[in-house]
Amino acid sequence: MREPRRDHYLAPAIDTLGTLRALPWLGDAGATLHLLTSLLAEAQHRLPRAVADARDQDYSWAQIADLLGVTRASAWQHYGRRLDEHRTPLDPH
């Protein structure tokens, strides 16, 4: 059985981001590279908090690894040791 594709939303996201940034980019490879690079940077910045939040919501390391497309051991090695640094702060109110 084939895994479902998880990138079906990427093209619309790039189109939307290009529009939001008012880039005259349709078909321009340089603009596409710029948009993809900014998406990668944002994802790398947000992933540690998302993993910490997933653990707080009782996702297992196996589930997180599956969502990340890596092994369980790799997910834990990359994110598991610094969970406390990346947790979403609790609202004091």
C-alpha atoms as a PDB file:
ATOM      1  CA  MET A   1       0.000   0.000   0.000  1.00  0.00           C
ATOM      2  CA  ARG A   2       1.385   3.409  -0.965  1.00  0.00           C
ATOM      3  CA  GLU A   3       1.669   6.202   1.571  1.00  0.00           C
ATOM      4  CA  PRO A   4      -0.556   9.180   0.809  1.00  0.00           C
ATOM      5  CA  ARG A   5       1.308  12.178  -0.572  1.00  0.00           C
ATOM      6  CA  ARG A   6       1.879  14.822   2.035  1.00  0.00           C
ATOM      7  CA  ASP A   7       3.030  17.585  -0.296  1.00  0.00           C
ATOM      8  CA  HIS A   8      -0.275  18.216  -2.083  1.00  0.00           C
ATOM      9  CA  TYR A   9      -0.641  21.502  -0.204  1.00  0.00           C
ATOM     10  CA  LEU A  10       2.816  22.882  -1.043  1.00  0.00           C
ATOM     11  CA  ALA A  11       2.085  24.433  -4.446  1.00  0.00           C
ATOM     12  CA  PRO A  12      -0.937  26.423  -3.206  1.00  0.00           C
ATOM     13  CA  ALA A  13       1.107  27.554  -0.193  1.00  0.00           C
ATOM     14  CA  ILE A  14       3.882  28.826  -2.441  1.00  0.00           C
ATOM     15  CA  ASP A  15       1.355  30.566  -4.704  1.00  0.00           C
ATOM     16  CA  THR A  16      -0.284  32.228  -1.710  1.00  0.00           C
ATOM     17  CA  LEU A  17       3.026  33.284  -0.195  1.00  0.00           C
ATOM     18  CA  GLY A  18       4.139  34.777  -3.501  1.00  0.00           C
ATOM     19  CA  THR A  19       0.897  36.720  -3.739  1.00  0.00           C
ATOM     20  CA  LEU A  20       1.134  37.934  -0.137  1.00  0.00           C
ATOM     21  CA  ARG A  21       4.661  39.182  -0.757  1.00  0.00           C
ATOM     22  CA  ALA A  22       3.558  40.823  -4.015  1.00  0.00           C
ATOM     23  CA  LEU A  23       6.269  39.043  -5.963  1.00  0.00           C
ATOM     24  CA  PRO A  24       5.999  39.098  -9.744  1.00  0.00           C
ATOM     25  CA  TRP A  25       7.076  35.504  -9.668  1.00  0.00           C
ATOM     26  CA  LEU A  26       4.849  33.291 -11.778  1.00  0.00           C
ATOM     27  CA  GLY A  27       7.265  30.958 -13.507  1.00  0.00           C
ATOM     28  CA  ASP A  28      10.374  32.719 -12.130  1.00  0.00           C
ATOM     29  CA  ALA A  29      12.748  30.115 -10.704  1.00  0.00           C
ATOM     30  CA  GLY A  30      14.585  32.662  -8.565  1.00  0.00           C
ATOM     31  CA  ALA A  31      11.390  33.786  -6.864  1.00  0.00           C
ATOM     32  CA  THR A  32      10.371  30.158  -6.323  1.00  0.00           C
ATOM     33  CA  LEU A  33      13.755  29.448  -4.700  1.00  0.00           C
ATOM     34  CA  HIS A  34      13.358  32.508  -2.480  1.00  0.00           C
ATOM     35  CA  LEU A  35       9.897  31.411  -1.355  1.00  0.00           C
ATOM     36  CA  LEU A  36      10.951  27.818  -0.713  1.00  0.00           C
ATOM     37  CA  THR A  37      14.009  28.961   1.248  1.00  0.00           C
ATOM     38  CA  SER A  38      11.891  31.221   3.437  1.00  0.00           C
ATOM     39  CA  LEU A  39       9.419  28.386   4.046  1.00  0.00           C
ATOM     40  CA  LEU A  40      12.272  26.053   5.034  1.00  0.00           C
ATOM     41  CA  ALA A  41      13.714  28.606   7.450  1.00  0.00           C
ATOM     42  CA  GLU A  42      10.323  29.209   9.045  1.00  0.00           C
ATOM     43  CA  ALA A  43       9.672  25.467   9.348  1.00  0.00           C
ATOM     44  CA  GLN A  44      13.080  24.850  10.946  1.00  0.00           C
ATOM     45  CA  HIS A  45      12.384  27.639  13.413  1.00  0.00           C
ATOM     46  CA  ARG A  46       8.920  26.315  14.343  1.00  0.00           C
ATOM     47  CA  LEU A  47       9.538  22.553  14.368  1.00  0.00           C
ATOM     48  CA  PRO A  48      11.098  22.294  17.848  1.00  0.00           C
ATOM     49  CA  ARG A  49       8.090  23.989  19.462  1.00  0.00           C
ATOM     50  CA  ALA A  50       5.650  21.913  17.404  1.00  0.00           C
ATOM     51  CA  VAL A  51       7.400  18.709  18.519  1.00  0.00           C
ATOM     52  CA  ALA A  52       7.383  19.817  22.171  1.00  0.00           C
ATOM     53  CA  ASP A  53       3.685  20.692  21.909  1.00  0.00           C
ATOM     54  CA  ALA A  54       2.944  17.327  20.280  1.00  0.00           C
ATOM     55  CA  ARG A  55       4.657  15.551  23.175  1.00  0.00           C
ATOM     56  CA  ASP A  56       2.617  17.666  25.613  1.00  0.00           C
ATOM     57  CA  GLN A  57      -0.495  16.463  23.761  1.00  0.00           C
ATOM     58  CA  ASP A  58       0.588  12.845  24.308  1.00  0.00           C
ATOM     59  CA  TYR A  59       1.862  12.080  20.806  1.00  0.00           C
ATOM     60  CA  SER A  60       4.352   9.229  20.968  1.00  0.00           C
ATOM     61  CA  TRP A  61       7.850   9.560  19.546  1.00  0.00           C
ATOM     62  CA  ALA A  62       6.825   6.997  16.913  1.00  0.00           C
ATOM     63  CA  GLN A  63       3.866   9.167  15.840  1.00  0.00           C
ATOM     64  CA  ILE A  64       6.007  12.300  15.735  1.00  0.00           C
ATOM     65  CA  ALA A  65       8.688  10.492  13.756  1.00  0.00           C
ATOM     66  CA  ASP A  66       6.102   9.313  11.256  1.00  0.00           C
ATOM     67  CA  LEU A  67       4.813  12.855  10.800  1.00  0.00           C
ATOM     68  CA  LEU A  68       8.374  14.137  10.347  1.00  0.00           C
ATOM     69  CA  GLY A  69       9.263  11.324   7.943  1.00  0.00           C
ATOM     70  CA  VAL A  70      12.187  10.115  10.056  1.00  0.00           C
ATOM     71  CA  THR A  71      12.887   7.246  12.417  1.00  0.00           C
ATOM     72  CA  ARG A  72      11.761   7.339  16.028  1.00  0.00           C
ATOM     73  CA  ALA A  73      15.375   7.397  17.198  1.00  0.00           C
ATOM     74  CA  SER A  74      16.229  10.260  14.867  1.00  0.00           C
ATOM     75  CA  ALA A  75      13.258  12.327  16.044  1.00  0.00           C
ATOM     76  CA  TRP A  76      14.167  11.792  19.679  1.00  0.00           C
ATOM     77  CA  GLN A  77      17.867  12.521  19.126  1.00  0.00           C
ATOM     78  CA  HIS A  78      17.085  15.749  17.296  1.00  0.00           C
ATOM     79  CA  TYR A  79      14.269  17.089  19.482  1.00  0.00           C
ATOM     80  CA  GLY A  80      13.977  15.016  22.656  1.00  0.00           C
ATOM     81  CA  ARG A  81      16.843  16.390  24.660  1.00  0.00           C
ATOM     82  CA  ARG A  82      15.687  20.021  24.540  1.00  0.00           C
ATOM     83  CA  LEU A  83      11.910  19.762  24.890  1.00  0.00           C
ATOM     84  CA  ASP A  84      11.761  22.069  27.899  1.00  0.00           C
ATOM     85  CA  GLU A  85      13.438  24.884  25.952  1.00  0.00           C
ATOM     86  CA  HIS A  86      10.795  24.817  23.218  1.00  0.00           C
ATOM     87  CA  ARG A  87       7.490  24.274  24.974  1.00  0.00           C
ATOM     88  CA  THR A  88       4.747  26.810  24.377  1.00  0.00           C
ATOM     89  CA  PRO A  89       4.560  28.892  27.557  1.00  0.00           C
ATOM     90  CA  LEU A  90       1.487  28.373  29.692  1.00  0.00           C
ATOM     91  CA  ASP A  91      -0.901  31.306  29.826  1.00  0.00           C
ATOM     92  CA  PRO A  92      -0.690  32.708  33.383  1.00  0.00           C
ATOM     93  CA  HIS A  93      -4.239  34.119  33.223  1.00  0.00           C
END
